[in-house]
């Protein structure tokens, strides 16, 4: 049998009504306070944060533009951009990735970007881009004309860049409670189409190469259970009839990278 409002007020003393009001208000406030955190976790699961690293001129922005299906002419930046770029890949299933393209130039902005993605707000995965010594050289400040650099010098610079980045990855991995993933993307494959497998092996763990040895060191520092490592070839170019890598093969490489990212992030 229902009671009129006045009867309810009679049954509940003032102190009881106050306590009930405080309980309800506390529950509402707790729900509101935890809502942003729940939304953040949901966003992180559906759109993991991915750092894209690598030295200047390896094609980081081009690769991410292809992954996010941006037109090649949209927002093209000069080689050696010192600004961290942000991109988002979306799918019809309301899943995707948020990319943070870390500047490759050894400047204060780059170090700040590395701190942001590996310490301040640690990412969920890393794509480290390498180019088999074929990174586009950058002109020194204040000079004109085309920049030049030997492939051997670029390989040395690439190894030095990886040393810095791998230490940051290891530091992040040991602090995280959940595993993170790393994909070493071997790009500009159109410049060595017949040697792709050999080049991929050079960048792989247990290869015995200078780069492979540093990958082994990273794996030892981070721990196998904390960090998964893949090495995949890609083509930053969209591929055309003049390219040594056909459009179909270039697309297959990109698709393989996207599929592996989805698997590692629990999207597939």
C-alpha atoms as a PDB file:
ATOM      1  CA  UNK A   1       0.000   0.000   0.000  1.00  0.00           C
ATOM      2  CA  UNK A   2       1.457   3.383  -0.978  1.00  0.00           C
ATOM      3  CA  UNK A   3       1.712   6.249   1.446  1.00  0.00           C
ATOM      4  CA  UNK A   4       1.177   9.918   0.715  1.00  0.00           C
ATOM      5  CA  UNK A   5       4.266  12.114   0.761  1.00  0.00           C
ATOM      6  CA  UNK A   6       3.388  13.511   4.182  1.00  0.00           C
ATOM      7  CA  UNK A   7       3.330   9.971   5.609  1.00  0.00           C
ATOM      8  CA  UNK A   8       6.824   9.275   4.214  1.00  0.00           C
ATOM      9  CA  UNK A   9       8.140  12.433   5.814  1.00  0.00           C
ATOM     10  CA  UNK A  10       6.661  11.251   9.132  1.00  0.00           C
ATOM     11  CA  UNK A  11       8.276   7.816   8.887  1.00  0.00           C
ATOM     12  CA  UNK A  12      11.747   9.201   8.000  1.00  0.00           C
ATOM     13  CA  UNK A  13      13.149  11.452  10.689  1.00  0.00           C
ATOM     14  CA  UNK A  14      15.073  14.542   9.678  1.00  0.00           C
ATOM     15  CA  UNK A  15      18.437  12.893  10.328  1.00  0.00           C
ATOM     16  CA  UNK A  16      17.467   9.909   8.181  1.00  0.00           C
ATOM     17  CA  UNK A  17      16.364  12.137   5.305  1.00  0.00           C
ATOM     18  CA  UNK A  18      19.640  14.050   5.567  1.00  0.00           C
ATOM     19  CA  UNK A  19      21.686  10.841   5.495  1.00  0.00           C
ATOM     20  CA  UNK A  20      19.715   9.508   2.532  1.00  0.00           C
ATOM     21  CA  UNK A  21      20.208  12.781   0.645  1.00  0.00           C
ATOM     22  CA  UNK A  22      23.923  12.711   1.383  1.00  0.00           C
ATOM     23  CA  UNK A  23      24.184   9.113   0.162  1.00  0.00           C
ATOM     24  CA  UNK A  24      22.369   9.889  -3.085  1.00  0.00           C
ATOM     25  CA  UNK A  25      24.404  13.040  -3.660  1.00  0.00           C
ATOM     26  CA  UNK A  26      27.630  11.166  -2.941  1.00  0.00           C
ATOM     27  CA  UNK A  27      26.692   8.462  -5.424  1.00  0.00           C
ATOM     28  CA  UNK A  28      25.931  11.025  -8.113  1.00  0.00           C
ATOM     29  CA  UNK A  29      29.197  12.884  -7.491  1.00  0.00           C
ATOM     30  CA  UNK A  30      31.195   9.640  -7.547  1.00  0.00           C
ATOM     31  CA  UNK A  31      29.567   8.677 -10.829  1.00  0.00           C
ATOM     32  CA  UNK A  32      30.298  12.057 -12.340  1.00  0.00           C
ATOM     33  CA  UNK A  33      33.885  12.013 -11.101  1.00  0.00           C
ATOM     34  CA  UNK A  34      34.567   8.560 -12.537  1.00  0.00           C
ATOM     35  CA  UNK A  35      32.818   9.226 -15.864  1.00  0.00           C
ATOM     36  CA  UNK A  36      35.797  10.961 -17.539  1.00  0.00           C
ATOM     37  CA  UNK A  37      38.084   8.124 -16.473  1.00  0.00           C
ATOM     38  CA  UNK A  38      35.697   5.508 -17.890  1.00  0.00           C
ATOM     39  CA  UNK A  39      35.359   7.477 -21.127  1.00  0.00           C
ATOM     40  CA  UNK A  40      39.155   7.775 -21.319  1.00  0.00           C
ATOM     41  CA  UNK A  41      39.596   4.008 -20.859  1.00  0.00           C
ATOM     42  CA  UNK A  42      36.977   3.293 -23.517  1.00  0.00           C
ATOM     43  CA  UNK A  43      38.641   5.730 -25.920  1.00  0.00           C
ATOM     44  CA  UNK A  44      42.027   4.162 -25.215  1.00  0.00           C
ATOM     45  CA  UNK A  45      40.691   0.672 -25.980  1.00  0.00           C
ATOM     46  CA  UNK A  46      39.007   1.730 -29.208  1.00  0.00           C
ATOM     47  CA  UNK A  47      41.648   4.233 -30.307  1.00  0.00           C
ATOM     48  CA  UNK A  48      45.038   3.237 -28.854  1.00  0.00           C
ATOM     49  CA  UNK A  49      47.783   5.865 -28.913  1.00  0.00           C
ATOM     50  CA  UNK A  50      50.681   5.037 -31.234  1.00  0.00           C
ATOM     51  CA  UNK A  51      54.022   6.866 -31.355  1.00  0.00           C
ATOM     52  CA  UNK A  52      55.656   7.001 -34.792  1.00  0.00           C
ATOM     53  CA  UNK A  53      59.404   7.489 -34.419  1.00  0.00           C
ATOM     54  CA  UNK A  54      62.475   7.490 -36.641  1.00  0.00           C
ATOM     55  CA  UNK A  55      65.157   9.819 -37.919  1.00  0.00           C
ATOM     56  CA  UNK A  56      64.499  12.739 -40.226  1.00  0.00           C
ATOM     57  CA  UNK A  57      63.623  11.833 -43.814  1.00  0.00           C
ATOM     58  CA  UNK A  58      62.579   8.193 -43.398  1.00  0.00           C
ATOM     59  CA  UNK A  59      58.977   8.926 -44.410  1.00  0.00           C
ATOM     60  CA  UNK A  60      57.101   8.873 -41.084  1.00  0.00           C
ATOM     61  CA  UNK A  61      54.480  11.419 -42.122  1.00  0.00           C
ATOM     62  CA  UNK A  62      53.962   9.778 -45.515  1.00  0.00           C
ATOM     63  CA  UNK A  63      53.428   6.392 -43.914  1.00  0.00           C
ATOM     64  CA  UNK A  64      50.950   7.725 -41.367  1.00  0.00           C
ATOM     65  CA  UNK A  65      49.106   9.652 -44.074  1.00  0.00           C
ATOM     66  CA  UNK A  66      48.640   6.384 -45.931  1.00  0.00           C
ATOM     67  CA  UNK A  67      47.510   4.569 -42.796  1.00  0.00           C
ATOM     68  CA  UNK A  68      44.982   7.306 -42.060  1.00  0.00           C
ATOM     69  CA  UNK A  69      43.937   7.462 -45.731  1.00  0.00           C
ATOM     70  CA  UNK A  70      44.845  11.105 -46.090  1.00  0.00           C
ATOM     71  CA  UNK A  71      45.380  12.457 -49.584  1.00  0.00           C
ATOM     72  CA  UNK A  72      49.082  12.781 -50.351  1.00  0.00           C
ATOM     73  CA  UNK A  73      48.736  16.533 -50.787  1.00  0.00           C
ATOM     74  CA  UNK A  74      47.061  17.185 -47.433  1.00  0.00           C
ATOM     75  CA  UNK A  75      49.270  18.893 -44.904  1.00  0.00           C
ATOM     76  CA  UNK A  76      52.560  17.801 -46.457  1.00  0.00           C
ATOM     77  CA  UNK A  77      55.425  18.965 -44.279  1.00  0.00           C
ATOM     78  CA  UNK A  78      59.026  19.629 -45.167  1.00  0.00           C
ATOM     79  CA  UNK A  79      61.705  17.090 -44.371  1.00  0.00           C
ATOM     80  CA  UNK A  80      62.781  17.587 -40.781  1.00  0.00           C
ATOM     81  CA  UNK A  81      59.573  19.061 -39.372  1.00  0.00           C
ATOM     82  CA  UNK A  82      60.127  19.998 -35.724  1.00  0.00           C
ATOM     83  CA  UNK A  83      56.422  19.835 -34.865  1.00  0.00           C
ATOM     84  CA  UNK A  84      54.763  16.707 -33.490  1.00  0.00           C
ATOM     85  CA  UNK A  85      52.001  15.761 -35.906  1.00  0.00           C
ATOM     86  CA  UNK A  86      48.731  14.120 -34.885  1.00  0.00           C
ATOM     87  CA  UNK A  87      46.613  11.846 -37.073  1.00  0.00           C
ATOM     88  CA  UNK A  88      43.644   9.541 -36.480  1.00  0.00           C
ATOM     89  CA  UNK A  89      42.669   6.368 -38.300  1.00  0.00           C
ATOM     90  CA  UNK A  90      38.976   5.475 -38.035  1.00  0.00           C
ATOM     91  CA  UNK A  91      37.032   2.423 -39.111  1.00  0.00           C
ATOM     92  CA  UNK A  92      33.270   1.814 -39.566  1.00  0.00           C
ATOM     93  CA  UNK A  93      33.407  -0.287 -36.368  1.00  0.00           C
ATOM     94  CA  UNK A  94      34.255   2.826 -34.320  1.00  0.00           C
ATOM     95  CA  UNK A  95      37.805   1.629 -33.797  1.00  0.00           C
ATOM     96  CA  UNK A  96      41.120   2.927 -34.962  1.00  0.00           C
ATOM     97  CA  UNK A  97      44.359   4.530 -33.809  1.00  0.00           C
ATOM     98  CA  UNK A  98      45.624   7.920 -32.736  1.00  0.00           C
ATOM     99  CA  UNK A  99      49.098   8.579 -34.138  1.00  0.00           C
ATOM    100  CA  UNK A 100      51.700  10.930 -32.705  1.00  0.00           C
ATOM    101  CA  UNK A 101      54.453  11.528 -35.272  1.00  0.00           C
ATOM    102  CA  UNK A 102      57.586  12.456 -33.306  1.00  0.00           C
ATOM    103  CA  UNK A 103      59.951  14.930 -35.023  1.00  0.00           C
ATOM    104  CA  UNK A 104      63.088  13.229 -36.271  1.00  0.00           C
ATOM    105  CA  UNK A 105      65.420  16.171 -35.982  1.00  0.00           C
ATOM    106  CA  UNK A 106      67.658  16.247 -32.902  1.00  0.00           C
ATOM    107  CA  UNK A 107      66.164  19.421 -31.486  1.00  0.00           C
ATOM    108  CA  UNK A 108      64.642  20.401 -28.159  1.00  0.00           C
ATOM    109  CA  UNK A 109      61.154  19.930 -29.614  1.00  0.00           C
ATOM    110  CA  UNK A 110      61.993  16.348 -30.489  1.00  0.00           C
ATOM    111  CA  UNK A 111      63.228  15.577 -26.977  1.00  0.00           C
ATOM    112  CA  UNK A 112      60.081  17.157 -25.565  1.00  0.00           C
ATOM    113  CA  UNK A 113      57.941  15.021 -27.882  1.00  0.00           C
ATOM    114  CA  UNK A 114      59.805  11.871 -26.824  1.00  0.00           C
ATOM    115  CA  UNK A 115      59.154  12.744 -23.176  1.00  0.00           C
ATOM    116  CA  UNK A 116      55.464  13.254 -23.928  1.00  0.00           C
ATOM    117  CA  UNK A 117      54.861   9.946 -25.726  1.00  0.00           C
ATOM    118  CA  UNK A 118      57.076   7.752 -23.541  1.00  0.00           C
ATOM    119  CA  UNK A 119      56.762   9.340 -20.106  1.00  0.00           C
ATOM    120  CA  UNK A 120      54.096  12.019 -19.633  1.00  0.00           C
ATOM    121  CA  UNK A 121      51.305  10.124 -21.399  1.00  0.00           C
ATOM    122  CA  UNK A 122      52.766   6.734 -22.356  1.00  0.00           C
ATOM    123  CA  UNK A 123      51.566   5.338 -25.664  1.00  0.00           C
ATOM    124  CA  UNK A 124      50.157   1.868 -26.261  1.00  0.00           C
ATOM    125  CA  UNK A 125      52.362   0.997 -29.227  1.00  0.00           C
ATOM    126  CA  UNK A 126      55.283   2.250 -31.296  1.00  0.00           C
ATOM    127  CA  UNK A 127      55.973   2.226 -35.027  1.00  0.00           C
ATOM    128  CA  UNK A 128      59.673   2.919 -35.532  1.00  0.00           C
ATOM    129  CA  UNK A 129      60.382   3.767 -39.170  1.00  0.00           C
ATOM    130  CA  UNK A 130      63.712   2.897 -40.826  1.00  0.00           C
ATOM    131  CA  UNK A 131      64.777   3.232 -44.452  1.00  0.00           C
ATOM    132  CA  UNK A 132      67.848   1.044 -45.043  1.00  0.00           C
ATOM    133  CA  UNK A 133      70.055   4.122 -45.272  1.00  0.00           C
ATOM    134  CA  UNK A 134      67.789   5.823 -47.822  1.00  0.00           C
ATOM    135  CA  UNK A 135      66.430   8.584 -45.585  1.00  0.00           C
ATOM    136  CA  UNK A 136      66.046  11.861 -47.466  1.00  0.00           C
ATOM    137  CA  UNK A 137      68.926  14.113 -46.336  1.00  0.00           C
ATOM    138  CA  UNK A 138      68.094  17.421 -44.710  1.00  0.00           C
ATOM    139  CA  UNK A 139      69.917  20.635 -45.585  1.00  0.00           C
ATOM    140  CA  UNK A 140      71.871  22.271 -42.804  1.00  0.00           C
ATOM    141  CA  UNK A 141      70.305  25.467 -41.506  1.00  0.00           C
ATOM    142  CA  UNK A 142      71.039  28.522 -43.600  1.00  0.00           C
ATOM    143  CA  UNK A 143      72.213  26.571 -46.664  1.00  0.00           C
ATOM    144  CA  UNK A 144      70.681  26.259 -50.102  1.00  0.00           C
ATOM    145  CA  UNK A 145      70.647  23.563 -52.744  1.00  0.00           C
ATOM    146  CA  UNK A 146      70.068  19.832 -52.507  1.00  0.00           C
ATOM    147  CA  UNK A 147      71.293  18.047 -49.377  1.00  0.00           C
ATOM    148  CA  UNK A 148      73.591  15.063 -49.810  1.00  0.00           C
ATOM    149  CA  UNK A 149      74.596  12.189 -47.577  1.00  0.00           C
ATOM    150  CA  UNK A 150      76.048   8.749 -48.238  1.00  0.00           C
ATOM    151  CA  UNK A 151      73.989   5.675 -47.488  1.00  0.00           C
ATOM    152  CA  UNK A 152      76.661   4.541 -45.023  1.00  0.00           C
ATOM    153  CA  UNK A 153      76.392   7.824 -43.124  1.00  0.00           C
ATOM    154  CA  UNK A 154      72.616   7.555 -43.071  1.00  0.00           C
ATOM    155  CA  UNK A 155      72.805   4.022 -41.668  1.00  0.00           C
ATOM    156  CA  UNK A 156      75.065   5.270 -38.881  1.00  0.00           C
ATOM    157  CA  UNK A 157      72.672   8.140 -38.122  1.00  0.00           C
ATOM    158  CA  UNK A 158      69.746   5.720 -38.169  1.00  0.00           C
ATOM    159  CA  UNK A 159      71.498   3.493 -35.626  1.00  0.00           C
ATOM    160  CA  UNK A 160      72.240   6.462 -33.367  1.00  0.00           C
ATOM    161  CA  UNK A 161      68.606   7.549 -33.563  1.00  0.00           C
ATOM    162  CA  UNK A 162      67.444   4.040 -32.679  1.00  0.00           C
ATOM    163  CA  UNK A 163      69.755   3.964 -29.651  1.00  0.00           C
ATOM    164  CA  UNK A 164      68.026   7.036 -28.217  1.00  0.00           C
ATOM    165  CA  UNK A 165      64.520   5.807 -29.012  1.00  0.00           C
ATOM    166  CA  UNK A 166      65.035   2.220 -27.826  1.00  0.00           C
ATOM    167  CA  UNK A 167      66.190   3.445 -24.398  1.00  0.00           C
ATOM    168  CA  UNK A 168      62.952   5.443 -24.097  1.00  0.00           C
ATOM    169  CA  UNK A 169      60.889   2.416 -25.130  1.00  0.00           C
ATOM    170  CA  UNK A 170      62.634   0.186 -22.593  1.00  0.00           C
ATOM    171  CA  UNK A 171      62.093   2.721 -19.811  1.00  0.00           C
ATOM    172  CA  UNK A 172      58.394   2.960 -20.656  1.00  0.00           C
ATOM    173  CA  UNK A 173      57.942  -0.820 -20.932  1.00  0.00           C
ATOM    174  CA  UNK A 174      59.321  -1.577 -17.469  1.00  0.00           C
ATOM    175  CA  UNK A 175      57.000   1.013 -15.899  1.00  0.00           C
ATOM    176  CA  UNK A 176      53.828  -0.231 -17.577  1.00  0.00           C
ATOM    177  CA  UNK A 177      51.601  -2.884 -16.014  1.00  0.00           C
ATOM    178  CA  UNK A 178      50.387  -4.114 -19.390  1.00  0.00           C
ATOM    179  CA  UNK A 179      52.522  -5.179 -22.384  1.00  0.00           C
ATOM    180  CA  UNK A 180      53.237  -2.745 -25.198  1.00  0.00           C
ATOM    181  CA  UNK A 181      54.101  -3.468 -28.816  1.00  0.00           C
ATOM    182  CA  UNK A 182      56.727  -2.287 -31.277  1.00  0.00           C
ATOM    183  CA  UNK A 183      56.646  -2.570 -35.055  1.00  0.00           C
ATOM    184  CA  UNK A 184      59.826  -1.704 -36.929  1.00  0.00           C
ATOM    185  CA  UNK A 185      58.530  -0.490 -40.301  1.00  0.00           C
ATOM    186  CA  UNK A 186      61.153  -0.910 -43.025  1.00  0.00           C
ATOM    187  CA  UNK A 187      60.105   1.665 -45.581  1.00  0.00           C
ATOM    188  CA  UNK A 188      61.195   2.922 -49.033  1.00  0.00           C
ATOM    189  CA  UNK A 189      61.180  -0.668 -50.257  1.00  0.00           C
ATOM    190  CA  UNK A 190      60.714   0.600 -53.821  1.00  0.00           C
ATOM    191  CA  UNK A 191      64.434   1.512 -53.723  1.00  0.00           C
ATOM    192  CA  UNK A 192      65.540  -2.088 -53.103  1.00  0.00           C
ATOM    193  CA  UNK A 193      62.666  -4.320 -54.314  1.00  0.00           C
ATOM    194  CA  UNK A 194      64.828  -7.414 -54.807  1.00  0.00           C
ATOM    195  CA  UNK A 195      66.449  -7.224 -51.368  1.00  0.00           C
ATOM    196  CA  UNK A 196      63.428  -6.640 -49.146  1.00  0.00           C
ATOM    197  CA  UNK A 197      63.735  -9.927 -47.240  1.00  0.00           C
ATOM    198  CA  UNK A 198      67.439  -9.403 -46.628  1.00  0.00           C
ATOM    199  CA  UNK A 199      66.875  -5.850 -45.394  1.00  0.00           C
ATOM    200  CA  UNK A 200      64.027  -6.908 -43.094  1.00  0.00           C
ATOM    201  CA  UNK A 201      66.375  -9.526 -41.624  1.00  0.00           C
ATOM    202  CA  UNK A 202      68.979  -6.806 -40.934  1.00  0.00           C
ATOM    203  CA  UNK A 203      66.493  -4.995 -38.673  1.00  0.00           C
ATOM    204  CA  UNK A 204      65.197  -8.140 -36.963  1.00  0.00           C
ATOM    205  CA  UNK A 205      66.036  -9.613 -33.557  1.00  0.00           C
ATOM    206  CA  UNK A 206      68.672 -12.368 -33.539  1.00  0.00           C
ATOM    207  CA  UNK A 207      70.003 -11.213 -36.922  1.00  0.00           C
ATOM    208  CA  UNK A 208      73.504 -10.480 -35.644  1.00  0.00           C
ATOM    209  CA  UNK A 209      73.515  -7.123 -37.437  1.00  0.00           C
ATOM    210  CA  UNK A 210      74.392  -3.867 -35.641  1.00  0.00           C
ATOM    211  CA  UNK A 211      70.727  -2.883 -35.623  1.00  0.00           C
ATOM    212  CA  UNK A 212      69.564  -6.367 -34.663  1.00  0.00           C
ATOM    213  CA  UNK A 213      71.962  -6.408 -31.710  1.00  0.00           C
ATOM    214  CA  UNK A 214      70.390  -3.210 -30.380  1.00  0.00           C
ATOM    215  CA  UNK A 215      66.917  -4.723 -30.827  1.00  0.00           C
ATOM    216  CA  UNK A 216      68.103  -7.723 -28.808  1.00  0.00           C
ATOM    217  CA  UNK A 217      69.388  -5.363 -26.107  1.00  0.00           C
ATOM    218  CA  UNK A 218      66.015  -3.617 -25.985  1.00  0.00           C
ATOM    219  CA  UNK A 219      64.195  -6.914 -25.641  1.00  0.00           C
ATOM    220  CA  UNK A 220      66.522  -7.926 -22.794  1.00  0.00           C
ATOM    221  CA  UNK A 221      66.002  -4.621 -20.973  1.00  0.00           C
ATOM    222  CA  UNK A 222      62.228  -4.542 -21.392  1.00  0.00           C
ATOM    223  CA  UNK A 223      61.564  -8.244 -20.962  1.00  0.00           C
ATOM    224  CA  UNK A 224      59.905 -10.496 -23.512  1.00  0.00           C
ATOM    225  CA  UNK A 225      56.595 -10.477 -21.639  1.00  0.00           C
ATOM    226  CA  UNK A 226      56.533  -6.670 -21.560  1.00  0.00           C
ATOM    227  CA  UNK A 227      57.306  -5.945 -25.211  1.00  0.00           C
ATOM    228  CA  UNK A 228      56.393  -7.651 -28.487  1.00  0.00           C
ATOM    229  CA  UNK A 229      58.486  -6.839 -31.557  1.00  0.00           C
ATOM    230  CA  UNK A 230      57.584  -7.210 -35.239  1.00  0.00           C
ATOM    231  CA  UNK A 231      59.536  -6.150 -38.325  1.00  0.00           C
ATOM    232  CA  UNK A 232      57.476  -5.436 -41.455  1.00  0.00           C
ATOM    233  CA  UNK A 233      58.325  -3.970 -44.873  1.00  0.00           C
ATOM    234  CA  UNK A 234      56.236  -1.074 -46.154  1.00  0.00           C
ATOM    235  CA  UNK A 235      56.249   1.397 -49.009  1.00  0.00           C
ATOM    236  CA  UNK A 236      55.667   5.040 -48.144  1.00  0.00           C
ATOM    237  CA  UNK A 237      54.797   5.690 -51.784  1.00  0.00           C
ATOM    238  CA  UNK A 238      51.344   4.823 -53.028  1.00  0.00           C
ATOM    239  CA  UNK A 239      52.921   2.853 -55.848  1.00  0.00           C
ATOM    240  CA  UNK A 240      52.567   3.549 -59.562  1.00  0.00           C
ATOM    241  CA  UNK A 241      53.559   1.978 -62.846  1.00  0.00           C
ATOM    242  CA  UNK A 242      56.970   3.643 -62.737  1.00  0.00           C
ATOM    243  CA  UNK A 243      57.730   2.344 -59.245  1.00  0.00           C
ATOM    244  CA  UNK A 244      59.722  -0.838 -58.666  1.00  0.00           C
ATOM    245  CA  UNK A 245      57.000  -1.800 -56.160  1.00  0.00           C
ATOM    246  CA  UNK A 246      53.623  -2.249 -57.844  1.00  0.00           C
ATOM    247  CA  UNK A 247      50.545  -0.511 -56.388  1.00  0.00           C
ATOM    248  CA  UNK A 248      49.128  -3.908 -55.505  1.00  0.00           C
ATOM    249  CA  UNK A 249      52.252  -4.966 -53.620  1.00  0.00           C
ATOM    250  CA  UNK A 250      52.514  -1.589 -51.869  1.00  0.00           C
ATOM    251  CA  UNK A 251      48.882  -1.858 -50.748  1.00  0.00           C
ATOM    252  CA  UNK A 252      49.434  -5.429 -49.533  1.00  0.00           C
ATOM    253  CA  UNK A 253      52.367  -4.272 -47.395  1.00  0.00           C
ATOM    254  CA  UNK A 254      50.308  -1.460 -45.901  1.00  0.00           C
ATOM    255  CA  UNK A 255      47.372  -3.804 -45.256  1.00  0.00           C
ATOM    256  CA  UNK A 256      49.683  -6.271 -43.484  1.00  0.00           C
ATOM    257  CA  UNK A 257      50.897  -3.476 -41.208  1.00  0.00           C
ATOM    258  CA  UNK A 258      47.345  -2.346 -40.438  1.00  0.00           C
ATOM    259  CA  UNK A 259      46.208  -5.918 -39.717  1.00  0.00           C
ATOM    260  CA  UNK A 260      49.118  -6.540 -37.357  1.00  0.00           C
ATOM    261  CA  UNK A 261      48.387  -3.309 -35.497  1.00  0.00           C
ATOM    262  CA  UNK A 262      44.753  -4.370 -35.114  1.00  0.00           C
ATOM    263  CA  UNK A 263      45.802  -7.781 -33.779  1.00  0.00           C
ATOM    264  CA  UNK A 264      48.229  -6.294 -31.272  1.00  0.00           C
ATOM    265  CA  UNK A 265      45.592  -3.824 -30.056  1.00  0.00           C
ATOM    266  CA  UNK A 266      42.844  -6.420 -29.678  1.00  0.00           C
ATOM    267  CA  UNK A 267      40.773  -5.069 -32.564  1.00  0.00           C
ATOM    268  CA  UNK A 268      40.973  -8.297 -34.557  1.00  0.00           C
END
